[in-house]
């Protein structure tokens, strides 16, 4: 398994911000992530794609509204710890 800081090194700043918000606030939809981060929905979508490609974020269907997805940090990443905000 890749050491956590190395895994996050190549991520764009928007993906790091989205990851930090998910770490602090917990699981949420793409729309709520956009609201919390004040990033555009397109930028959030790109950040989530990067995080999913890096196998950092998990996507599941929202049971209240099946048109939406809920994103959360993988348990293995959360237990390994995330880099500090300035990393």
C-alpha atoms as a PDB file:
ATOM      1  CA  UNK A   1       0.000   0.000   0.000  1.00  0.00           C
ATOM      2  CA  UNK A   2       1.246   3.473  -0.867  1.00  0.00           C
ATOM      3  CA  UNK A   3       2.258   5.697   2.036  1.00  0.00           C
ATOM      4  CA  UNK A   4      -0.394   8.379   2.482  1.00  0.00           C
ATOM      5  CA  UNK A   5       1.700  11.543   1.820  1.00  0.00           C
ATOM      6  CA  UNK A   6       3.072  10.046  -1.430  1.00  0.00           C
ATOM      7  CA  UNK A   7      -0.447   9.209  -2.560  1.00  0.00           C
ATOM      8  CA  UNK A   8      -1.571  12.817  -2.116  1.00  0.00           C
ATOM      9  CA  UNK A   9       1.534  14.516  -3.523  1.00  0.00           C
ATOM     10  CA  UNK A  10       0.406  14.622  -7.170  1.00  0.00           C
ATOM     11  CA  UNK A  11      -3.209  15.595  -6.505  1.00  0.00           C
ATOM     12  CA  UNK A  12      -4.307  19.053  -7.696  1.00  0.00           C
ATOM     13  CA  UNK A  13      -5.070  21.644  -4.991  1.00  0.00           C
ATOM     14  CA  UNK A  14      -8.814  21.337  -5.598  1.00  0.00           C
ATOM     15  CA  UNK A  15      -8.689  17.599  -4.853  1.00  0.00           C
ATOM     16  CA  UNK A  16      -6.725  18.243  -1.656  1.00  0.00           C
ATOM     17  CA  UNK A  17      -9.323  20.794  -0.573  1.00  0.00           C
ATOM     18  CA  UNK A  18     -12.190  18.398  -1.299  1.00  0.00           C
ATOM     19  CA  UNK A  19     -10.370  15.664   0.618  1.00  0.00           C
ATOM     20  CA  UNK A  20      -9.867  17.954   3.614  1.00  0.00           C
ATOM     21  CA  UNK A  21     -13.553  18.952   3.622  1.00  0.00           C
ATOM     22  CA  UNK A  22     -14.587  15.289   3.504  1.00  0.00           C
ATOM     23  CA  UNK A  23     -12.190  14.576   6.363  1.00  0.00           C
ATOM     24  CA  UNK A  24     -13.617  17.361   8.536  1.00  0.00           C
ATOM     25  CA  UNK A  25     -17.318  17.270   7.577  1.00  0.00           C
ATOM     26  CA  UNK A  26     -17.787  13.597   6.680  1.00  0.00           C
ATOM     27  CA  UNK A  27     -19.641  12.071   3.738  1.00  0.00           C
ATOM     28  CA  UNK A  28     -21.577  14.421   1.462  1.00  0.00           C
ATOM     29  CA  UNK A  29     -22.948  14.940  -2.029  1.00  0.00           C
ATOM     30  CA  UNK A  30     -21.117  16.679  -4.844  1.00  0.00           C
ATOM     31  CA  UNK A  31     -23.423  19.698  -4.532  1.00  0.00           C
ATOM     32  CA  UNK A  32     -22.751  20.057  -0.824  1.00  0.00           C
ATOM     33  CA  UNK A  33     -19.002  19.696  -1.431  1.00  0.00           C
ATOM     34  CA  UNK A  34     -19.246  22.535  -3.969  1.00  0.00           C
ATOM     35  CA  UNK A  35     -21.088  24.673  -1.418  1.00  0.00           C
ATOM     36  CA  UNK A  36     -18.641  23.915   1.406  1.00  0.00           C
ATOM     37  CA  UNK A  37     -15.503  24.452  -0.699  1.00  0.00           C
ATOM     38  CA  UNK A  38     -16.920  27.315  -2.790  1.00  0.00           C
ATOM     39  CA  UNK A  39     -15.544  25.578  -5.876  1.00  0.00           C
ATOM     40  CA  UNK A  40     -17.555  25.229  -9.070  1.00  0.00           C
ATOM     41  CA  UNK A  41     -19.434  21.964  -9.580  1.00  0.00           C
ATOM     42  CA  UNK A  42     -17.199  21.207 -12.551  1.00  0.00           C
ATOM     43  CA  UNK A  43     -14.044  21.656 -10.437  1.00  0.00           C
ATOM     44  CA  UNK A  44     -15.498  19.474  -7.688  1.00  0.00           C
ATOM     45  CA  UNK A  45     -16.376  16.793 -10.244  1.00  0.00           C
ATOM     46  CA  UNK A  46     -12.779  16.888 -11.561  1.00  0.00           C
ATOM     47  CA  UNK A  47     -11.390  16.741  -8.004  1.00  0.00           C
ATOM     48  CA  UNK A  48     -13.595  13.759  -7.144  1.00  0.00           C
ATOM     49  CA  UNK A  49     -12.473  11.964 -10.319  1.00  0.00           C
ATOM     50  CA  UNK A  50      -8.854  12.468  -9.265  1.00  0.00           C
ATOM     51  CA  UNK A  51      -9.582  11.224  -5.751  1.00  0.00           C
ATOM     52  CA  UNK A  52     -11.425   8.159  -7.072  1.00  0.00           C
ATOM     53  CA  UNK A  53      -8.562   7.425  -9.495  1.00  0.00           C
ATOM     54  CA  UNK A  54      -6.153   7.611  -6.543  1.00  0.00           C
ATOM     55  CA  UNK A  55      -8.469   5.195  -4.676  1.00  0.00           C
ATOM     56  CA  UNK A  56      -8.951   7.687  -1.847  1.00  0.00           C
ATOM     57  CA  UNK A  57     -12.683   8.403  -2.068  1.00  0.00           C
ATOM     58  CA  UNK A  58     -15.627   6.016  -2.163  1.00  0.00           C
ATOM     59  CA  UNK A  59     -18.843   6.776  -4.082  1.00  0.00           C
ATOM     60  CA  UNK A  60     -22.226   5.337  -3.143  1.00  0.00           C
ATOM     61  CA  UNK A  61     -25.837   5.991  -4.103  1.00  0.00           C
ATOM     62  CA  UNK A  62     -27.855   8.373  -1.944  1.00  0.00           C
ATOM     63  CA  UNK A  63     -30.909   6.455  -0.744  1.00  0.00           C
ATOM     64  CA  UNK A  64     -32.999   9.616  -0.300  1.00  0.00           C
ATOM     65  CA  UNK A  65     -32.420  10.622  -3.938  1.00  0.00           C
ATOM     66  CA  UNK A  66     -30.982   7.921  -6.203  1.00  0.00           C
ATOM     67  CA  UNK A  67     -29.970  10.583  -8.757  1.00  0.00           C
ATOM     68  CA  UNK A  68     -27.284  11.767  -6.338  1.00  0.00           C
ATOM     69  CA  UNK A  69     -24.146  10.108  -5.028  1.00  0.00           C
ATOM     70  CA  UNK A  70     -22.518  10.420  -1.630  1.00  0.00           C
ATOM     71  CA  UNK A  71     -18.741  10.643  -1.406  1.00  0.00           C
ATOM     72  CA  UNK A  72     -16.655   9.626   1.575  1.00  0.00           C
ATOM     73  CA  UNK A  73     -13.038   8.847   2.370  1.00  0.00           C
ATOM     74  CA  UNK A  74     -12.072   5.164   2.216  1.00  0.00           C
ATOM     75  CA  UNK A  75     -11.754   3.636   5.670  1.00  0.00           C
ATOM     76  CA  UNK A  76      -8.191   2.518   4.927  1.00  0.00           C
ATOM     77  CA  UNK A  77      -7.154   6.117   4.164  1.00  0.00           C
ATOM     78  CA  UNK A  78      -8.931   7.510   7.213  1.00  0.00           C
ATOM     79  CA  UNK A  79      -7.149   4.994   9.473  1.00  0.00           C
ATOM     80  CA  UNK A  80      -3.729   5.697   7.867  1.00  0.00           C
ATOM     81  CA  UNK A  81      -4.237   9.374   8.498  1.00  0.00           C
ATOM     82  CA  UNK A  82      -4.323  12.249   6.062  1.00  0.00           C
ATOM     83  CA  UNK A  83      -1.572  14.766   5.556  1.00  0.00           C
ATOM     84  CA  UNK A  84      -1.745  18.032   7.428  1.00  0.00           C
ATOM     85  CA  UNK A  85      -3.447  20.991   5.744  1.00  0.00           C
ATOM     86  CA  UNK A  86      -0.160  22.551   4.614  1.00  0.00           C
ATOM     87  CA  UNK A  87       1.197  19.391   2.943  1.00  0.00           C
END
